[in-house]
């Protein structure tokens, strides 16, 4: 089952001081980034599109 990666899970892994959990979380984060591409850029584009439509 695929679970999306959130900053809270990363911070939880850091707080755990469990190296194996931290490594597993890092691998999941890398996989999430690879699969989602540049979501930050896509979000900026989405917000711009919303602004343009709302200004009409």
Foldseek 3Di string as FASTA:
>chain_A
DQDADDVVLQVVQVVVPPVVSNVVSVVSNVVNCVVVPPVVVVVVVVVVVVVVVVVD
